[in-house]
């Protein structure tokens, strides 16, 4: 399953994402991972959430990013939710169509029963048509 938090840069998507992850961690049965472009929000996350700074890994394009996600999934069979902040930056999709990558994440989520909660620096109108119904918050 894929859920989207959308809005232009500086609108408060990260705060919404952090509030959401910290709110569900108490009731989570499995692991929760938070991927970001830095460790800037380390102290705002509950200590039960695993923060991964994607910038520390040699991810060069969206396909490698999906492979990176699959590597995380392969190492943690209890993984329940993955929070992706700055998605377009970490997935190397800035200025590109994110539809195919979102399709891949959606398929992976279905197969492995993992939810992906994604923040994207796009206006609601810029989100691919197929994912309009996946928007849980538009800022």
C-alpha atoms as a PDB file:
ATOM      1  CA  UNK A   1       0.000   0.000   0.000  1.00  0.00           C
ATOM      2  CA  UNK A   2       1.184   3.497  -0.863  1.00  0.00           C
ATOM      3  CA  UNK A   3      -0.016   6.677   0.854  1.00  0.00           C
ATOM      4  CA  UNK A   4       1.102  10.164  -0.157  1.00  0.00           C
ATOM      5  CA  UNK A   5       1.658  13.408   1.702  1.00  0.00           C
ATOM      6  CA  UNK A   6       2.057  16.139  -0.903  1.00  0.00           C
ATOM      7  CA  UNK A   7       2.772  19.863  -1.070  1.00  0.00           C
ATOM      8  CA  UNK A   8       5.429  22.265  -2.239  1.00  0.00           C
ATOM      9  CA  UNK A   9       8.770  22.512  -0.454  1.00  0.00           C
ATOM     10  CA  UNK A  10       8.515  24.181   2.966  1.00  0.00           C
ATOM     11  CA  UNK A  11       4.800  23.498   3.495  1.00  0.00           C
ATOM     12  CA  UNK A  12       5.258  21.146   6.486  1.00  0.00           C
ATOM     13  CA  UNK A  13       5.176  17.662   4.959  1.00  0.00           C
ATOM     14  CA  UNK A  14       8.030  16.408   7.138  1.00  0.00           C
ATOM     15  CA  UNK A  15       6.232  17.449  10.323  1.00  0.00           C
ATOM     16  CA  UNK A  16       3.101  15.591   9.198  1.00  0.00           C
ATOM     17  CA  UNK A  17       5.218  12.525   8.375  1.00  0.00           C
ATOM     18  CA  UNK A  18       7.056  12.651  11.723  1.00  0.00           C
ATOM     19  CA  UNK A  19       3.780  13.061  13.650  1.00  0.00           C
ATOM     20  CA  UNK A  20       2.307  10.103  11.766  1.00  0.00           C
ATOM     21  CA  UNK A  21       5.260   7.771  12.368  1.00  0.00           C
ATOM     22  CA  UNK A  22       5.557   8.722  16.047  1.00  0.00           C
ATOM     23  CA  UNK A  23       1.803   8.238  16.464  1.00  0.00           C
ATOM     24  CA  UNK A  24       1.703   4.699  15.070  1.00  0.00           C
ATOM     25  CA  UNK A  25       4.906   3.358  16.639  1.00  0.00           C
ATOM     26  CA  UNK A  26       3.146   2.561  19.939  1.00  0.00           C
ATOM     27  CA  UNK A  27       0.658   0.235  18.241  1.00  0.00           C
ATOM     28  CA  UNK A  28       2.983  -1.277  15.650  1.00  0.00           C
ATOM     29  CA  UNK A  29       3.431  -5.045  15.714  1.00  0.00           C
ATOM     30  CA  UNK A  30       6.443  -5.028  13.400  1.00  0.00           C
ATOM     31  CA  UNK A  31       9.385  -2.816  12.515  1.00  0.00           C
ATOM     32  CA  UNK A  32       9.160   0.709  11.164  1.00  0.00           C
ATOM     33  CA  UNK A  33      11.803   2.323   8.960  1.00  0.00           C
ATOM     34  CA  UNK A  34      12.137   6.039   8.135  1.00  0.00           C
ATOM     35  CA  UNK A  35      14.212   6.935   5.073  1.00  0.00           C
ATOM     36  CA  UNK A  36      15.461  10.480   4.616  1.00  0.00           C
ATOM     37  CA  UNK A  37      18.133  12.445   2.764  1.00  0.00           C
ATOM     38  CA  UNK A  38      19.970  13.221   6.042  1.00  0.00           C
ATOM     39  CA  UNK A  39      19.946  12.471   9.780  1.00  0.00           C
ATOM     40  CA  UNK A  40      18.561  15.927  10.563  1.00  0.00           C
ATOM     41  CA  UNK A  41      15.344  14.572  12.121  1.00  0.00           C
ATOM     42  CA  UNK A  42      17.010  11.826  14.179  1.00  0.00           C
ATOM     43  CA  UNK A  43      16.007  13.301  17.534  1.00  0.00           C
ATOM     44  CA  UNK A  44      12.414  13.947  16.451  1.00  0.00           C
ATOM     45  CA  UNK A  45      11.797  10.248  15.797  1.00  0.00           C
ATOM     46  CA  UNK A  46      10.791   7.720  18.411  1.00  0.00           C
ATOM     47  CA  UNK A  47      13.816   5.537  19.222  1.00  0.00           C
ATOM     48  CA  UNK A  48      11.919   2.425  18.058  1.00  0.00           C
ATOM     49  CA  UNK A  49      11.933   3.770  14.490  1.00  0.00           C
ATOM     50  CA  UNK A  50      14.987   2.913  12.396  1.00  0.00           C
ATOM     51  CA  UNK A  51      16.275   5.991  10.555  1.00  0.00           C
ATOM     52  CA  UNK A  52      18.219   5.385   7.354  1.00  0.00           C
ATOM     53  CA  UNK A  53      20.104   8.244   5.720  1.00  0.00           C
ATOM     54  CA  UNK A  54      19.865   7.313   2.031  1.00  0.00           C
ATOM     55  CA  UNK A  55      22.501   9.888   1.049  1.00  0.00           C
ATOM     56  CA  UNK A  56      25.150   7.659   2.618  1.00  0.00           C
ATOM     57  CA  UNK A  57      24.543   4.950   0.008  1.00  0.00           C
ATOM     58  CA  UNK A  58      25.483   5.004  -3.698  1.00  0.00           C
ATOM     59  CA  UNK A  59      21.926   5.239  -5.077  1.00  0.00           C
ATOM     60  CA  UNK A  60      22.190   6.801  -8.563  1.00  0.00           C
ATOM     61  CA  UNK A  61      18.686   6.397 -10.012  1.00  0.00           C
ATOM     62  CA  UNK A  62      15.131   5.282  -9.249  1.00  0.00           C
ATOM     63  CA  UNK A  63      15.798   1.633 -10.132  1.00  0.00           C
ATOM     64  CA  UNK A  64      18.691   1.496  -7.690  1.00  0.00           C
ATOM     65  CA  UNK A  65      16.456   3.147  -5.089  1.00  0.00           C
ATOM     66  CA  UNK A  66      13.843   0.398  -5.516  1.00  0.00           C
ATOM     67  CA  UNK A  67      16.652  -2.168  -5.183  1.00  0.00           C
ATOM     68  CA  UNK A  68      17.753  -0.390  -1.997  1.00  0.00           C
ATOM     69  CA  UNK A  69      14.202  -0.703  -0.623  1.00  0.00           C
ATOM     70  CA  UNK A  70      14.151  -4.405  -1.535  1.00  0.00           C
ATOM     71  CA  UNK A  71      17.429  -4.879   0.327  1.00  0.00           C
ATOM     72  CA  UNK A  72      15.882  -3.350   3.447  1.00  0.00           C
ATOM     73  CA  UNK A  73      12.845  -5.617   3.108  1.00  0.00           C
ATOM     74  CA  UNK A  74      14.999  -8.718   2.657  1.00  0.00           C
ATOM     75  CA  UNK A  75      16.783  -8.048   5.954  1.00  0.00           C
ATOM     76  CA  UNK A  76      13.701  -7.473   8.097  1.00  0.00           C
ATOM     77  CA  UNK A  77      10.821  -9.927   7.802  1.00  0.00           C
ATOM     78  CA  UNK A  78       8.862  -8.037  10.477  1.00  0.00           C
ATOM     79  CA  UNK A  79       8.907  -4.779   8.525  1.00  0.00           C
ATOM     80  CA  UNK A  80       5.458  -3.231   8.668  1.00  0.00           C
ATOM     81  CA  UNK A  81       5.817   0.369   7.478  1.00  0.00           C
ATOM     82  CA  UNK A  82       8.345   2.411   5.535  1.00  0.00           C
ATOM     83  CA  UNK A  83       8.217   6.213   5.746  1.00  0.00           C
ATOM     84  CA  UNK A  84       9.919   8.020   2.892  1.00  0.00           C
ATOM     85  CA  UNK A  85      10.702  11.698   3.428  1.00  0.00           C
ATOM     86  CA  UNK A  86      11.986  13.814   0.537  1.00  0.00           C
ATOM     87  CA  UNK A  87      10.971  10.989  -1.805  1.00  0.00           C
ATOM     88  CA  UNK A  88      11.755  12.728  -5.081  1.00  0.00           C
ATOM     89  CA  UNK A  89      15.257  13.569  -3.845  1.00  0.00           C
ATOM     90  CA  UNK A  90      16.122  10.217  -2.244  1.00  0.00           C
ATOM     91  CA  UNK A  91      14.701   8.229  -5.196  1.00  0.00           C
ATOM     92  CA  UNK A  92      16.502  10.459  -7.745  1.00  0.00           C
ATOM     93  CA  UNK A  93      13.189  11.474  -9.330  1.00  0.00           C
ATOM     94  CA  UNK A  94      13.373  15.278  -9.171  1.00  0.00           C
ATOM     95  CA  UNK A  95      11.859  16.667 -12.357  1.00  0.00           C
ATOM     96  CA  UNK A  96      10.855  13.171 -13.536  1.00  0.00           C
ATOM     97  CA  UNK A  97       7.634  11.172 -13.634  1.00  0.00           C
ATOM     98  CA  UNK A  98       7.380   9.111 -10.443  1.00  0.00           C
ATOM     99  CA  UNK A  99       4.575   6.830 -11.677  1.00  0.00           C
ATOM    100  CA  UNK A 100       6.708   3.775 -12.467  1.00  0.00           C
ATOM    101  CA  UNK A 101       8.570   3.927  -9.151  1.00  0.00           C
ATOM    102  CA  UNK A 102       5.294   4.350  -7.248  1.00  0.00           C
ATOM    103  CA  UNK A 103       3.893   1.353  -9.169  1.00  0.00           C
ATOM    104  CA  UNK A 104       6.920  -0.710  -8.155  1.00  0.00           C
ATOM    105  CA  UNK A 105       6.605   0.307  -4.490  1.00  0.00           C
ATOM    106  CA  UNK A 106       2.892  -0.455  -4.574  1.00  0.00           C
ATOM    107  CA  UNK A 107       3.560  -3.951  -5.968  1.00  0.00           C
ATOM    108  CA  UNK A 108       6.308  -4.564  -3.406  1.00  0.00           C
ATOM    109  CA  UNK A 109       3.974  -3.409  -0.635  1.00  0.00           C
ATOM    110  CA  UNK A 110       1.264  -5.825  -1.758  1.00  0.00           C
ATOM    111  CA  UNK A 111       3.674  -8.740  -2.042  1.00  0.00           C
ATOM    112  CA  UNK A 112       5.414  -8.214   1.301  1.00  0.00           C
ATOM    113  CA  UNK A 113       2.495  -6.626   3.241  1.00  0.00           C
ATOM    114  CA  UNK A 114       4.380  -3.381   3.835  1.00  0.00           C
ATOM    115  CA  UNK A 115       2.890   0.121   3.810  1.00  0.00           C
ATOM    116  CA  UNK A 116       4.818   2.977   2.209  1.00  0.00           C
ATOM    117  CA  UNK A 117       3.989   6.462   3.495  1.00  0.00           C
ATOM    118  CA  UNK A 118       5.659   8.952   1.170  1.00  0.00           C
ATOM    119  CA  UNK A 119       6.175  12.717   1.279  1.00  0.00           C
ATOM    120  CA  UNK A 120       6.540  14.324  -2.148  1.00  0.00           C
ATOM    121  CA  UNK A 121       7.308  17.954  -2.999  1.00  0.00           C
ATOM    122  CA  UNK A 122       4.502  18.265  -5.540  1.00  0.00           C
ATOM    123  CA  UNK A 123       1.198  20.067  -5.581  1.00  0.00           C
ATOM    124  CA  UNK A 124      -1.816  17.770  -5.480  1.00  0.00           C
ATOM    125  CA  UNK A 125      -2.490  18.518  -9.167  1.00  0.00           C
ATOM    126  CA  UNK A 126       1.022  17.365 -10.124  1.00  0.00           C
ATOM    127  CA  UNK A 127       0.611  13.893  -8.584  1.00  0.00           C
ATOM    128  CA  UNK A 128       0.127  11.177 -11.231  1.00  0.00           C
ATOM    129  CA  UNK A 129      -3.571  10.522 -11.911  1.00  0.00           C
ATOM    130  CA  UNK A 130      -3.339   6.895 -10.756  1.00  0.00           C
ATOM    131  CA  UNK A 131      -2.220   8.061  -7.291  1.00  0.00           C
ATOM    132  CA  UNK A 132      -4.693  10.889  -6.646  1.00  0.00           C
ATOM    133  CA  UNK A 133      -6.765   8.592  -4.414  1.00  0.00           C
ATOM    134  CA  UNK A 134      -3.645   7.690  -2.376  1.00  0.00           C
ATOM    135  CA  UNK A 135      -3.164  11.268  -1.108  1.00  0.00           C
ATOM    136  CA  UNK A 136      -3.793  11.339   2.649  1.00  0.00           C
ATOM    137  CA  UNK A 137      -2.635  14.933   3.171  1.00  0.00           C
ATOM    138  CA  UNK A 138      -2.217  17.811   0.710  1.00  0.00           C
ATOM    139  CA  UNK A 139      -0.541  20.972   2.023  1.00  0.00           C
END
